[in-house]
N, C-alpha and C. Protein backbone atom coordinates (compact mmCIF):
# COMPACT_ATOMS: atom_id res chain seq x y z
N UNK A 1 13.94 -8.58 -9.59
CA UNK A 1 13.21 -9.22 -8.18
C UNK A 1 11.68 -8.85 -8.44
N UNK A 2 11.37 -9.30 -7.37
CA UNK A 2 9.86 -9.18 -7.41
C UNK A 2 9.51 -8.89 -5.71
N UNK A 3 9.11 -7.82 -5.88
CA UNK A 3 8.59 -7.16 -3.62
C UNK A 3 7.69 -7.12 -3.11
N UNK A 4 7.56 -7.33 -1.54
CA UNK A 4 6.12 -7.18 -1.88
C UNK A 4 6.61 -6.57 -0.79
N UNK A 5 5.36 -5.00 -0.42
CA UNK A 5 5.47 -3.57 0.06
C UNK A 5 4.66 -3.36 1.29
N UNK A 6 5.20 -3.23 2.79
CA UNK A 6 3.70 -3.70 3.74
C UNK A 6 3.95 -2.45 4.58
N UNK A 7 3.04 -2.16 5.19
CA UNK A 7 3.07 -0.85 5.96
C UNK A 7 1.89 0.33 6.18
N UNK A 8 1.60 0.02 7.66
CA UNK A 8 -0.09 0.61 8.09
C UNK A 8 -0.09 2.11 7.04
N UNK A 9 -1.82 2.61 7.32
CA UNK A 9 -1.42 4.19 6.05
C UNK A 9 -1.19 5.06 7.61
N UNK A 10 -0.76 5.44 6.38
CA UNK A 10 0.39 6.43 7.17
C UNK A 10 1.50 6.39 6.95
N UNK A 11 1.89 5.13 6.58
CA UNK A 11 3.87 5.18 6.96
C UNK A 11 4.59 4.91 5.82
N UNK A 12 2.95 6.19 4.69
CA UNK A 12 4.68 6.08 3.40
C UNK A 12 4.79 5.60 2.41
N UNK A 13 3.94 3.93 2.21
CA UNK A 13 4.00 3.28 1.60
C UNK A 13 3.82 3.55 0.27
N UNK A 14 3.03 4.65 -0.34
CA UNK A 14 2.51 4.99 -1.75
C UNK A 14 4.18 5.97 -2.05
N UNK A 15 4.49 6.54 -1.50
CA UNK A 15 5.70 8.07 -1.64
C UNK A 15 6.31 6.88 -1.15
N UNK A 16 7.27 5.70 -0.91
CA UNK A 16 8.47 4.66 -1.39
C UNK A 16 8.49 4.00 -2.57
N UNK A 17 6.76 3.59 -2.68
CA UNK A 17 6.65 2.12 -3.71
C UNK A 17 7.10 3.30 -4.94
N UNK A 18 6.80 4.44 -5.21
CA UNK A 18 7.01 5.80 -6.22
C UNK A 18 8.73 5.79 -6.22
N UNK A 19 9.19 5.76 -5.17
CA UNK A 19 10.38 5.94 -4.95
C UNK A 19 11.66 4.39 -5.68
N UNK A 20 11.26 3.75 -4.49
CA UNK A 20 11.58 3.06 -5.20
C UNK A 20 11.53 1.20 -6.58
N UNK A 21 10.34 2.05 -7.55
CA UNK A 21 9.77 1.46 -8.35
C UNK A 21 11.39 1.84 -9.71
N UNK A 22 11.53 3.00 -9.36
CA UNK A 22 12.37 3.75 -10.58
C UNK A 22 14.25 3.15 -9.78
N UNK A 23 14.14 3.21 -8.58
CA UNK A 23 15.43 2.57 -8.25
C UNK A 23 15.77 1.66 -8.57
N UNK A 24 14.53 0.30 -8.45
CA UNK A 24 14.60 -1.42 -9.01
C UNK A 24 14.63 -1.66 -10.37
N UNK A 25 14.35 -0.83 -11.24
CA UNK A 25 14.08 -0.73 -12.62
C UNK A 25 12.63 -1.76 -12.75
N UNK A 26 11.49 -1.38 -11.60
CA UNK A 26 10.48 -2.98 -11.60
C UNK A 26 9.03 -1.88 -11.58
N UNK A 27 8.07 -2.55 -11.50
CA UNK A 27 6.51 -2.21 -12.16
C UNK A 27 5.94 -2.13 -11.26
N UNK A 28 5.40 -1.32 -10.97
CA UNK A 28 4.48 -1.08 -9.72
C UNK A 28 2.94 -1.41 -9.57
N UNK A 29 2.94 -2.45 -8.82
CA UNK A 29 1.85 -2.69 -8.96
C UNK A 29 0.65 -3.40 -7.75
N UNK A 30 -0.10 -2.08 -8.26
CA UNK A 30 -1.06 -1.74 -6.60
C UNK A 30 -2.11 -2.33 -6.93
N UNK A 31 -2.50 -3.08 -6.14
CA UNK A 31 -4.25 -4.15 -6.10
C UNK A 31 -5.75 -2.82 -6.20
N UNK A 32 -5.65 -2.15 -5.79
CA UNK A 32 -7.11 -0.97 -6.05
C UNK A 32 -6.45 -0.31 -7.27
N UNK A 33 -5.63 -0.06 -7.75
CA UNK A 33 -4.64 0.35 -9.76
C UNK A 33 -5.56 -0.51 -10.15
N UNK A 34 -5.39 -2.39 -10.25
CA UNK A 34 -6.27 -3.34 -10.93
C UNK A 34 -7.20 -3.30 -10.70
N UNK A 35 -8.29 -3.18 -9.26
CA UNK A 35 -9.39 -3.52 -9.22
C UNK A 35 -10.04 -2.42 -10.08
N UNK A 36 -9.72 -0.73 -10.21
CA UNK A 36 -9.83 0.23 -10.80
C UNK A 36 -10.11 0.11 -12.33
N UNK A 37 -8.71 -0.73 -12.44
CA UNK A 37 -8.50 -0.35 -14.41
C UNK A 37 -9.37 -0.99 -14.88
N UNK A 38 -10.02 -2.83 -14.47
CA UNK A 38 -10.20 -3.99 -14.94
C UNK A 38 -11.51 -3.60 -14.52
N UNK A 39 -12.91 -3.04 -13.72
CA UNK A 39 -13.67 -2.42 -14.01
C UNK A 39 -14.27 -1.24 -14.71
N UNK A 40 -13.59 -0.39 -15.08
CA UNK A 40 -14.31 0.50 -15.42
C UNK A 40 -13.73 -0.04 -17.65
N UNK A 41 -12.99 -0.59 -17.67
CA UNK A 41 -12.79 -1.87 -18.16
C UNK A 41 -13.95 -3.30 -18.52
N UNK A 42 -14.56 -2.84 -18.06
CA UNK A 42 -15.64 -4.19 -18.01
C UNK A 42 -14.69 -5.97 -18.43
N UNK A 43 -13.48 -5.66 -17.80
CA UNK A 43 -12.81 -6.90 -18.04
C UNK A 43 -12.99 -8.64 -17.80
N UNK A 44 -13.78 -9.28 -18.08
CA UNK A 44 -14.14 -10.50 -17.42
C UNK A 44 -13.56 -10.53 -16.08
N UNK A 45 -12.06 -10.40 -15.82
CA UNK A 45 -12.41 -10.47 -13.59
C UNK A 45 -12.82 -9.37 -12.77
N UNK A 46 -13.08 -8.29 -13.87
CA UNK A 46 -13.65 -6.65 -13.39
C UNK A 46 -15.61 -7.33 -12.96
N UNK A 47 -15.47 -7.96 -14.42
CA UNK A 47 -17.35 -8.61 -14.10
C UNK A 47 -17.36 -9.18 -13.04
N UNK A 48 -16.18 -9.59 -13.17
CA UNK A 48 -16.82 -10.35 -11.92
C UNK A 48 -16.87 -11.14 -10.61
N UNK A 49 -15.80 -9.33 -10.68
CA UNK A 49 -15.14 -9.09 -9.22
C UNK A 49 -16.18 -7.90 -9.05
N UNK A 50 -17.29 -7.42 -9.68
CA UNK A 50 -18.61 -6.56 -9.63
C UNK A 50 -19.42 -6.50 -9.20
N UNK A 51 -19.84 -8.46 -9.35
CA UNK A 51 -20.77 -9.37 -9.33
C UNK A 51 -20.40 -9.21 -8.18
N UNK A 52 -19.54 -9.62 -7.55
CA UNK A 52 -19.68 -9.54 -5.70
C UNK A 52 -19.53 -8.33 -5.43
N UNK A 53 -19.03 -7.90 -5.85
CA UNK A 53 -19.04 -6.29 -4.88
C UNK A 53 -20.82 -5.00 -4.83
N UNK A 54 -21.25 -5.82 -6.26
CA UNK A 54 -22.51 -5.11 -5.78
C UNK A 54 -23.53 -6.29 -5.21
N UNK A 55 -23.52 -6.78 -4.95
CA UNK A 55 -24.10 -8.45 -2.99
C UNK A 55 -24.15 -7.95 -1.82
N UNK A 56 -22.48 -6.58 -2.22
CA UNK A 56 -22.07 -6.25 -1.13
C UNK A 56 -20.94 -7.26 -0.33
N UNK A 57 -20.60 -8.51 -0.84
CA UNK A 57 -19.66 -9.81 -1.10
C UNK A 57 -18.28 -8.88 -1.03
N UNK A 58 -16.99 -9.79 -0.29
CA UNK A 58 -15.90 -9.26 -0.02
C UNK A 58 -15.62 -10.28 -1.93
N UNK A 59 -14.18 -9.71 -2.73
CA UNK A 59 -14.15 -10.09 -3.75
C UNK A 59 -13.25 -11.93 -2.92
N UNK A 60 -13.56 -13.04 -3.93
CA UNK A 60 -12.51 -14.23 -3.55
C UNK A 60 -11.28 -14.32 -3.72
N UNK A 61 -10.75 -14.01 -3.14
CA UNK A 61 -8.97 -14.26 -3.26
C UNK A 61 -8.78 -14.59 -4.50
N UNK A 62 -9.27 -15.48 -4.69
CA UNK A 62 -8.76 -16.48 -6.63
C UNK A 62 -8.99 -15.36 -7.06
N UNK A 63 -10.13 -14.81 -7.49
CA UNK A 63 -10.26 -13.30 -8.29
C UNK A 63 -9.49 -12.52 -8.35
N UNK A 64 -8.94 -11.86 -7.18
CA UNK A 64 -7.26 -11.12 -6.31
C UNK A 64 -6.44 -11.51 -7.34
N UNK A 65 -5.70 -12.59 -7.00
CA UNK A 65 -5.09 -13.36 -7.17
C UNK A 65 -5.00 -13.33 -8.96
N UNK A 66 -5.85 -14.15 -9.31
CA UNK A 66 -5.74 -14.05 -10.82
C UNK A 66 -5.54 -13.22 -11.66
N UNK A 67 -6.61 -11.18 -11.09
CA UNK A 67 -5.64 -10.38 -11.41
C UNK A 67 -4.63 -9.62 -11.78
N UNK A 68 -4.36 -10.22 -10.60
CA UNK A 68 -2.41 -9.73 -10.51
C UNK A 68 -1.67 -10.72 -10.89
N UNK A 69 -1.86 -11.87 -10.92
CA UNK A 69 -1.26 -12.72 -11.98
C UNK A 69 -1.41 -11.91 -14.25
N UNK A 70 -2.89 -12.23 -13.58
CA UNK A 70 -2.74 -11.72 -14.69
C UNK A 70 -1.95 -10.67 -15.45
N UNK A 71 -1.72 -9.37 -14.44
CA UNK A 71 -0.93 -8.00 -14.76
C UNK A 71 0.29 -8.38 -14.87
N UNK A 72 1.19 -9.38 -13.83
CA UNK A 72 2.17 -9.87 -13.87
C UNK A 72 3.20 -10.87 -14.84
N UNK A 73 1.84 -10.92 -15.75
CA UNK A 73 2.58 -12.24 -16.91
C UNK A 73 2.67 -10.35 -17.93
N UNK A 74 2.23 -9.63 -17.51
CA UNK A 74 2.69 -8.52 -19.81
C UNK A 74 4.19 -9.11 -19.01
N UNK A 75 4.49 -8.48 -20.81
CA UNK A 75 6.26 -8.66 -20.37
C UNK A 75 7.00 -7.64 -20.04
N UNK A 76 5.89 -5.90 -19.48
CA UNK A 76 7.21 -5.37 -18.32
C UNK A 76 7.34 -5.67 -17.59
N UNK A 77 7.02 -6.50 -17.34
CA UNK A 77 6.83 -7.63 -15.48
C UNK A 77 7.59 -7.78 -15.57
N UNK A 78 8.21 -8.72 -16.33
CA UNK A 78 9.51 -9.44 -16.85
C UNK A 78 10.68 -9.10 -15.19
N UNK A 79 11.15 -7.82 -15.53
CA UNK A 79 12.30 -7.93 -14.91
C UNK A 79 12.04 -7.31 -13.29
N UNK A 80 11.25 -7.78 -12.14
CA UNK A 80 10.21 -7.45 -11.55
C UNK A 80 9.19 -6.96 -11.10
N UNK A 81 8.67 -6.78 -9.92
CA UNK A 81 7.68 -6.60 -10.12
C UNK A 81 7.26 -5.87 -7.86
N UNK A 82 6.97 -4.79 -8.17
CA UNK A 82 6.60 -4.32 -6.49
C UNK A 82 5.32 -4.70 -6.01
N UNK A 83 5.27 -5.59 -5.10
CA UNK A 83 3.73 -5.16 -4.78
C UNK A 83 3.31 -4.06 -3.31
N UNK A 84 2.56 -3.68 -4.31
CA UNK A 84 1.76 -2.36 -3.30
C UNK A 84 0.19 -2.89 -2.60
N UNK A 85 -0.11 -3.06 -1.27
CA UNK A 85 -1.69 -3.53 -0.88
C UNK A 85 -1.93 -5.06 -1.48
N UNK A 86 -1.03 -5.89 -1.79
CA UNK A 86 -1.24 -7.22 -2.22
C UNK A 86 -0.87 -7.29 -2.03
N UNK A 87 -0.19 -9.24 -0.90
CA UNK A 87 -1.46 -9.11 -0.11
C UNK A 87 -1.69 -8.89 1.40
N UNK A 88 -2.65 -8.86 1.49
CA UNK A 88 -3.43 -7.97 2.15
C UNK A 88 -4.08 -9.21 3.48
N UNK A 89 -3.84 -10.29 3.32
CA UNK A 89 -4.18 -11.25 4.17
C UNK A 89 -2.91 -12.67 4.52
N UNK A 90 -3.13 -13.12 5.21
CA UNK A 90 -2.41 -14.55 5.78
C UNK A 90 -2.49 -15.54 4.16
N UNK A 91 -3.89 -15.91 4.39
CA UNK A 91 -4.52 -16.36 2.52
C UNK A 91 -4.40 -16.33 1.71
N UNK A 92 -4.05 -14.54 1.61
CA UNK A 92 -3.39 -14.16 -0.07
C UNK A 92 -2.78 -14.41 -0.10
N UNK A 93 -1.26 -14.16 0.57
CA UNK A 93 0.86 -14.46 0.64
C UNK A 93 0.57 -15.91 0.57
N UNK A 94 -0.28 -17.03 1.25
CA UNK A 94 0.33 -18.62 1.23
C UNK A 94 -0.35 -18.68 -0.38
N UNK A 95 -1.01 -17.76 -1.21
CA UNK A 95 -2.35 -18.32 -2.68
C UNK A 95 -1.27 -17.98 -3.49
N UNK A 96 -0.47 -16.10 -3.07
CA UNK A 96 -0.20 -16.11 -4.20
C UNK A 96 1.22 -16.73 -4.81
N UNK A 97 2.08 -17.02 -3.23
CA UNK A 97 3.51 -18.17 -3.10
C UNK A 97 2.91 -19.39 -4.10
N UNK A 98 1.95 -19.97 -3.91
CA UNK A 98 1.71 -21.01 -4.54
C UNK A 98 1.15 -20.97 -6.33
N UNK A 99 0.21 -19.74 -6.68
CA UNK A 99 0.47 -19.99 -8.15
C UNK A 99 1.83 -18.88 -7.95
N UNK A 100 2.65 -18.82 -8.01
CA UNK A 100 3.73 -17.59 -7.85
C UNK A 100 4.68 -19.01 -8.52
N UNK A 101 4.97 -20.23 -7.38
CA UNK A 101 5.85 -21.37 -7.82
C UNK A 101 5.39 -22.07 -8.85
N UNK A 102 4.01 -22.36 -9.88
CA UNK A 102 3.71 -22.69 -10.72
C UNK A 102 4.20 -22.02 -11.48
N UNK A 103 4.33 -20.99 -11.81
CA UNK A 103 4.90 -20.53 -13.19
C UNK A 103 6.08 -19.74 -12.33
N UNK A 104 7.16 -20.28 -11.68
CA UNK A 104 8.48 -20.85 -11.76
C UNK A 104 8.73 -19.01 -11.27
N UNK A 105 7.94 -18.07 -10.61
CA UNK A 105 8.50 -17.42 -9.72
C UNK A 105 8.38 -17.45 -8.61
N UNK A 106 9.24 -16.22 -7.36
CA UNK A 106 8.72 -16.24 -6.37
C UNK A 106 8.87 -14.99 -5.19
N UNK A 107 8.52 -14.20 -4.91
CA UNK A 107 9.10 -13.39 -3.71
C UNK A 107 10.25 -13.42 -2.96
N UNK A 108 10.73 -12.18 -3.80
CA UNK A 108 11.59 -12.24 -3.31
C UNK A 108 12.07 -11.52 -1.66
N UNK A 109 11.79 -10.52 -2.04
CA UNK A 109 11.80 -9.81 -0.73
C UNK A 109 10.83 -8.98 -0.47
N UNK A 110 10.22 -9.03 1.28
CA UNK A 110 9.37 -8.15 1.90
C UNK A 110 9.67 -7.18 2.80
N UNK A 111 8.92 -5.38 2.01
CA UNK A 111 9.85 -4.73 3.12
C UNK A 111 8.99 -3.99 3.89
N UNK A 112 8.69 -4.01 5.26
CA UNK A 112 7.72 -3.78 6.36
C UNK A 112 8.46 -2.19 6.43
N UNK A 113 8.10 -1.50 6.19
CA UNK A 113 7.95 -0.58 6.74
C UNK A 113 6.60 -0.05 8.29
N UNK A 114 7.85 0.57 9.54
CA UNK A 114 7.64 -0.04 10.86
C UNK A 114 7.06 1.42 10.96
N UNK A 115 6.27 2.11 11.90
CA UNK A 115 6.20 3.41 12.95
C UNK A 115 5.40 3.15 13.43
N UNK A 116 5.33 3.96 14.76
CA UNK A 116 4.37 3.43 15.85
C UNK A 116 3.28 4.35 16.05
N UNK A 117 2.08 3.60 16.31
CA UNK A 117 0.94 3.56 16.24
C UNK A 117 0.54 5.27 16.58
N UNK A 118 1.57 5.11 17.77
CA UNK A 118 0.26 7.34 18.21
C UNK A 118 1.37 7.88 16.50
N UNK A 119 2.51 7.54 15.61
CA UNK A 119 2.87 8.49 14.62
C UNK A 119 1.70 8.32 13.70
N UNK A 120 1.46 7.40 13.60
CA UNK A 120 0.39 6.72 12.29
C UNK A 120 -0.87 7.88 12.73
N UNK A 121 -1.30 7.47 13.90
CA UNK A 121 -2.72 8.18 13.95
C UNK A 121 -2.28 9.54 13.91
N UNK A 122 -1.69 10.29 14.58
CA UNK A 122 -0.63 12.33 14.24
C UNK A 122 -1.11 12.32 12.79
N UNK A 123 -0.45 11.29 11.97
CA UNK A 123 -0.17 11.82 10.47
C UNK A 123 -1.46 12.03 10.11
N UNK A 124 -2.26 10.79 10.25
CA UNK A 124 -2.80 10.52 9.44
C UNK A 124 -4.35 11.36 10.01
N UNK A 125 -5.06 11.27 11.31
CA UNK A 125 -5.71 12.15 11.40
C UNK A 125 -5.82 13.92 11.48
N UNK A 126 -4.40 14.28 11.43
CA UNK A 126 -3.45 15.65 11.19
C UNK A 126 -4.34 16.16 9.93
N UNK A 127 -4.67 15.52 8.47
CA UNK A 127 -5.34 15.71 7.35
C UNK A 127 -6.83 16.27 7.19
N UNK A 128 -6.66 17.64 6.49
CA UNK A 128 -7.66 18.78 6.75
C UNK A 128 -7.89 18.85 4.81
N UNK A 129 -8.80 19.51 4.12
CA UNK A 129 -9.15 19.51 2.55
C UNK A 129 -10.07 21.35 2.63
N UNK A 130 -9.57 21.34 1.75
CA UNK A 130 -10.24 22.59 1.10
C UNK A 130 -11.63 22.38 0.66
N UNK A 131 -13.13 23.13 1.03
CA UNK A 131 -14.01 22.40 0.58
C UNK A 131 -14.02 22.79 -1.10
N UNK A 132 -13.42 24.33 -0.97
CA UNK A 132 -13.70 24.79 -2.51
C UNK A 132 -12.54 23.83 -3.82
N UNK A 133 -11.28 24.30 -3.52
CA UNK A 133 -10.24 23.97 -4.60
C UNK A 133 -9.31 21.83 -4.03
N UNK A 134 -9.98 21.86 -3.14
CA UNK A 134 -9.47 20.44 -2.16
C UNK A 134 -8.37 20.35 -2.68
N UNK A 135 -7.30 22.00 -1.55
CA UNK A 135 -6.44 21.32 -1.56
C UNK A 135 -5.93 21.23 -0.11
N UNK A 136 -4.84 20.25 -0.01
CA UNK A 136 -5.33 19.82 1.36
C UNK A 136 -3.72 19.84 2.68
N UNK A 137 -4.29 20.02 3.31
CA UNK A 137 -2.74 20.42 4.34
C UNK A 137 -3.09 19.06 5.87
N UNK A 138 -2.15 19.88 6.18
CA UNK A 138 -1.59 19.10 8.20
C UNK A 138 -1.66 19.71 8.99
N UNK A 139 -2.30 19.81 9.86
CA UNK A 139 -2.27 20.29 11.27
C UNK A 139 -0.59 20.54 11.52
N UNK A 140 0.03 19.82 11.69
CA UNK A 140 1.41 20.04 12.26
C UNK A 140 2.58 19.98 10.75
N UNK A 141 2.42 18.94 9.85
CA UNK A 141 3.05 19.09 8.77
C UNK A 141 3.43 20.06 7.83
N UNK A 142 2.01 20.74 6.93
CA UNK A 142 1.49 21.51 6.69
C UNK A 142 0.56 22.68 6.84
N UNK A 143 0.52 23.24 7.45
CA UNK A 143 -1.03 24.26 8.30
C UNK A 143 -1.33 25.20 7.68
N UNK A 144 -3.31 25.56 7.62
CA UNK A 144 -2.80 26.53 6.53
C UNK A 144 -2.33 28.21 7.60
N UNK A 145 -2.14 28.64 6.67
CA UNK A 145 -2.08 30.37 7.70
C UNK A 145 -3.12 31.02 8.51
N UNK A 146 -4.41 30.55 8.00
CA UNK A 146 -4.78 30.93 8.74
C UNK A 146 -5.65 29.58 9.42
N UNK A 147 -6.13 29.22 10.72
CA UNK A 147 -6.58 28.05 10.80
C UNK A 147 -8.55 28.24 10.32
N UNK A 148 -8.39 26.62 10.11
CA UNK A 148 -10.14 26.47 9.16
C UNK A 148 -10.17 27.23 8.26
N UNK A 149 -8.72 28.08 6.91
CA UNK A 149 -9.23 28.58 6.75
C UNK A 149 -8.46 28.21 4.57
N UNK A 150 -8.60 27.76 3.94
CA UNK A 150 -7.67 28.05 2.70
C UNK A 150 -6.97 29.02 2.56
N UNK A 151 -6.18 28.77 2.42
CA UNK A 151 -4.21 29.46 1.70
C UNK A 151 -4.82 30.00 0.48
N UNK A 152 -5.51 28.99 -0.65
CA UNK A 152 -5.22 29.00 -1.50
C UNK A 152 -6.46 30.08 -2.50
N UNK A 153 -7.87 29.83 -2.07
CA UNK A 153 -8.74 30.10 -2.23
C UNK A 153 -9.36 30.79 -0.90
N UNK A 154 -9.09 30.75 0.01
CA UNK A 154 -9.74 31.40 1.61
C UNK A 154 -11.54 30.06 1.67
N UNK A 155 -11.23 29.13 1.01
CA UNK A 155 -12.78 28.42 1.32
C UNK A 155 -12.26 27.59 2.89
N UNK A 156 -13.72 26.95 3.65
CA UNK A 156 -13.63 26.77 4.42
C UNK A 156 -12.34 25.21 4.64
N UNK A 157 -12.20 25.15 5.70
CA UNK A 157 -11.48 23.87 5.83
C UNK A 157 -12.42 22.43 6.22
N UNK A 158 -12.23 21.22 5.74
CA UNK A 158 -12.68 20.38 6.49
C UNK A 158 -12.34 19.19 6.23
N UNK A 159 -12.65 17.99 7.40
CA UNK A 159 -11.63 16.48 7.43
C UNK A 159 -12.91 15.61 7.60
N UNK A 160 -12.01 14.51 6.45
CA UNK A 160 -13.59 13.64 6.24
C UNK A 160 -12.89 12.11 7.26
N UNK A 161 -14.19 11.85 6.96
CA UNK A 161 -14.79 10.81 8.03
C UNK A 161 -13.71 9.33 9.00
N UNK A 162 -12.89 9.77 7.31
CA UNK A 162 -11.90 8.11 7.80
C UNK A 162 -10.45 8.95 8.60
N UNK A 163 -11.15 10.17 8.38
CA UNK A 163 -9.31 10.76 9.03
C UNK A 163 -9.74 12.06 10.08
N UNK A 164 -11.31 10.83 11.28
CA UNK A 164 -10.84 11.31 12.64
C UNK A 164 -10.29 10.55 13.38
N UNK A 165 -9.77 11.10 14.71
CA UNK A 165 -8.70 9.59 15.44
C UNK A 165 -9.45 8.89 15.61
N UNK A 166 -10.95 8.57 15.64
CA UNK A 166 -11.53 7.48 16.36
C UNK A 166 -11.96 6.46 15.32
N UNK A 167 -11.62 6.90 13.54
CA UNK A 167 -11.74 5.83 12.33
C UNK A 167 -9.97 5.54 12.51
N UNK A 168 -9.87 6.32 12.12
CA UNK A 168 -7.72 5.92 12.12
C UNK A 168 -7.57 5.09 13.17
N UNK A 169 -8.28 5.06 14.30
CA UNK A 169 -7.37 3.74 15.43
C UNK A 169 -8.46 1.67 14.88
N UNK A 170 -9.35 2.55 14.50
CA UNK A 170 -10.12 2.01 13.77
C UNK A 170 -9.51 0.91 12.43
N UNK A 171 -9.46 2.28 11.78
CA UNK A 171 -8.63 1.32 10.58
C UNK A 171 -7.09 0.80 11.23
N UNK A 172 -6.59 1.21 11.46
CA UNK A 172 -4.87 1.06 12.32
C UNK A 172 -5.54 -0.80 13.24
N UNK A 173 -6.09 -0.79 13.51
CA UNK A 173 -6.82 -2.02 14.45
C UNK A 173 -6.95 -3.60 13.53
N UNK A 174 -7.63 -2.86 12.65
CA UNK A 174 -7.92 -3.74 11.38
C UNK A 174 -6.93 -5.08 10.12
N UNK A 175 -6.46 -3.38 10.33
CA UNK A 175 -4.99 -3.36 9.62
C UNK A 175 -3.87 -4.20 10.32
N UNK A 176 -3.56 -4.43 11.45
CA UNK A 176 -2.24 -4.59 11.99
C UNK A 176 -3.19 -6.54 13.08
N UNK A 177 -4.43 -6.36 12.51
CA UNK A 177 -4.76 -7.71 13.14
C UNK A 177 -5.35 -8.48 11.51
N UNK A 178 -4.72 -7.63 10.77
CA UNK A 178 -4.43 -8.96 8.87
C UNK A 178 -3.28 -8.96 8.49
N UNK A 179 -2.47 -7.70 9.03
CA UNK A 179 -1.52 -8.01 8.66
C UNK A 179 0.23 -8.54 9.57
N UNK A 180 0.01 -8.45 10.29
CA UNK A 180 0.93 -9.26 11.56
C UNK A 180 1.58 -10.11 11.39
N UNK A 181 0.11 -11.27 10.72
CA UNK A 181 0.33 -12.45 10.36
C UNK A 181 1.26 -12.81 9.10
N UNK A 182 0.95 -11.51 7.73
CA UNK A 182 2.06 -11.81 7.16
C UNK A 182 3.09 -11.50 7.41
N UNK A 183 2.94 -10.20 8.21
CA UNK A 183 5.25 -10.25 8.66
C UNK A 183 5.90 -11.06 8.98
N UNK A 184 5.17 -12.52 10.09
CA UNK A 184 5.68 -13.07 10.28
C UNK A 184 5.71 -14.29 9.46
N UNK A 185 5.11 -14.71 8.37
CA UNK A 185 4.89 -15.53 7.91
C UNK A 185 6.59 -15.54 6.35
N UNK A 186 6.18 -14.14 6.45
CA UNK A 186 7.45 -13.55 5.42
C UNK A 186 8.98 -13.56 6.09
N UNK A 187 9.04 -13.51 7.46
CA UNK A 187 10.27 -13.42 8.29
C UNK A 187 10.40 -14.89 8.22
N UNK A 188 9.67 -15.90 8.41
CA UNK A 188 10.26 -17.32 9.19
C UNK A 188 10.47 -17.27 7.82
N UNK A 189 10.38 -17.09 6.06
CA UNK A 189 11.28 -17.57 4.99
C UNK A 189 12.03 -17.13 4.63
N UNK A 190 12.80 -15.71 6.41
CA UNK A 190 13.81 -15.50 5.49
C UNK A 190 14.35 -14.19 5.16
N UNK A 191 12.60 -13.96 4.47
CA UNK A 191 12.63 -12.93 2.99
C UNK A 191 12.14 -11.46 4.03
N UNK A 192 11.91 -10.77 5.00
CA UNK A 192 11.52 -9.82 6.05
C UNK A 192 12.43 -8.86 6.34
N UNK A 193 12.64 -8.22 5.52
CA UNK A 193 13.38 -6.59 5.94
C UNK A 193 11.90 -5.78 6.42
N UNK A 194 13.08 -5.23 8.24
CA UNK A 194 11.71 -4.10 8.30
C UNK A 194 13.12 -3.16 8.46
N UNK A 195 12.26 -1.98 8.41
CA UNK A 195 12.68 -0.77 8.29
C UNK A 195 11.96 0.89 8.84
N UNK A 196 12.96 1.05 9.83
CA UNK A 196 12.35 2.23 10.34
C UNK A 196 11.65 3.54 9.41
N UNK A 197 10.16 3.59 9.70
CA UNK A 197 9.82 4.51 8.62
C UNK A 197 9.32 6.56 9.39
N UNK A 198 9.46 6.02 10.91
CA UNK A 198 9.72 7.34 11.44
C UNK A 198 10.60 8.16 11.13
N UNK A 199 11.11 8.13 9.69
CA UNK A 199 11.82 9.49 9.53
C UNK A 199 11.86 10.23 8.24
N UNK A 200 12.58 11.12 7.63
CA UNK A 200 12.27 11.60 7.14
C UNK A 200 12.06 10.44 5.63
N UNK A 201 11.69 11.58 4.38
CA UNK A 201 11.15 10.13 3.52
C UNK A 201 12.75 9.93 2.46
N UNK A 202 13.36 10.86 2.74
CA UNK A 202 14.59 10.20 2.06
C UNK A 202 16.05 8.97 2.65
N UNK A 203 15.46 9.81 4.60
CA UNK A 203 15.98 8.33 5.15
C UNK A 203 15.46 6.62 5.19
N UNK A 204 14.12 6.87 4.61
CA UNK A 204 13.51 5.58 4.86
C UNK A 204 14.15 5.12 3.58
N UNK A 205 14.36 5.63 2.22
CA UNK A 205 14.62 5.18 1.24
C UNK A 205 16.30 4.88 1.04
N UNK A 206 16.90 5.67 1.59
CA UNK A 206 17.99 5.17 1.42
C UNK A 206 18.29 3.49 2.29
N UNK A 207 17.39 3.53 3.66
CA UNK A 207 16.96 2.51 3.97
C UNK A 207 17.05 1.10 3.80
N UNK A 208 16.00 1.10 2.62
CA UNK A 208 15.60 0.18 2.15
C UNK A 208 15.99 0.15 1.01
N UNK A 209 16.73 0.70 0.22
CA UNK A 209 17.84 0.47 -0.82
C UNK A 209 18.57 0.08 -0.15
N UNK A 210 19.20 0.05 1.08
CA UNK A 210 20.49 -0.40 1.72
C UNK A 210 19.82 -2.09 1.95
N UNK A 211 19.22 -1.91 2.29
CA UNK A 211 18.66 -3.55 2.64
C UNK A 211 18.50 -4.41 1.68
N UNK A 212 17.87 -3.89 0.63
CA UNK A 212 17.99 -4.45 -0.52
C UNK A 212 19.06 -5.26 -1.20
N UNK A 213 19.87 -4.06 -1.22
CA UNK A 213 21.43 -4.46 -1.34
C UNK A 213 22.20 -5.39 -0.84
N UNK A 214 21.97 -4.78 0.39
CA UNK A 214 22.48 -6.86 1.06
C UNK A 214 22.13 -7.91 1.17
N UNK A 215 20.60 -7.32 1.15
CA UNK A 215 20.10 -8.51 0.80
C UNK A 215 20.77 -9.39 -0.17
N UNK A 216 21.13 -8.89 -1.50
CA UNK A 216 20.80 -9.70 -2.95
C UNK A 216 22.39 -9.92 -3.16
N UNK A 217 23.78 -9.91 -1.95
CA UNK A 217 24.85 -9.00 -1.74
C UNK A 217 25.38 -11.15 -1.77
């Protein structure tokens, strides 16, 4: 089974990806990991991607897709793949379908973890990190015993620029503008499974498993 996992920053996509790959017995293919590996190993595609990045340009879709295809052609991906962080745009989703079709493969399901925007803002903008030991905290779900101080080493807690409310809202705006057309694309194909992500991790995992099982029945 080849599954695309969709979800906004803060929706718990990474956590669910780890659970799903074990449950389904498939390989987790994250585009970010592929890029980092290709760049660190100076592969042909990695060097090509680097040439665009050094000029400040976006890496073209065809390079990203070829990197993904190169990975899923490997023997360990034969039972199936969970795509995480890809496709990011409608054009990538369409191009991926075209390329997979040429190799006798297809996307079977797209799982969209839905979380209300205000909850996403709360999750993301509540993150704090210790300057000294990098221990993470969250103002609501895992606050420090003393405000502004690390429980582990007593270091000062700070918030990354990416985690301020203003930046978080901008990131979500970009995500929804890019991702909703992909959601509609898979919905029209009858492949989309919507999951309420505003619940405990275990409940979300169980709901995804039920939907995938029902979809394959």
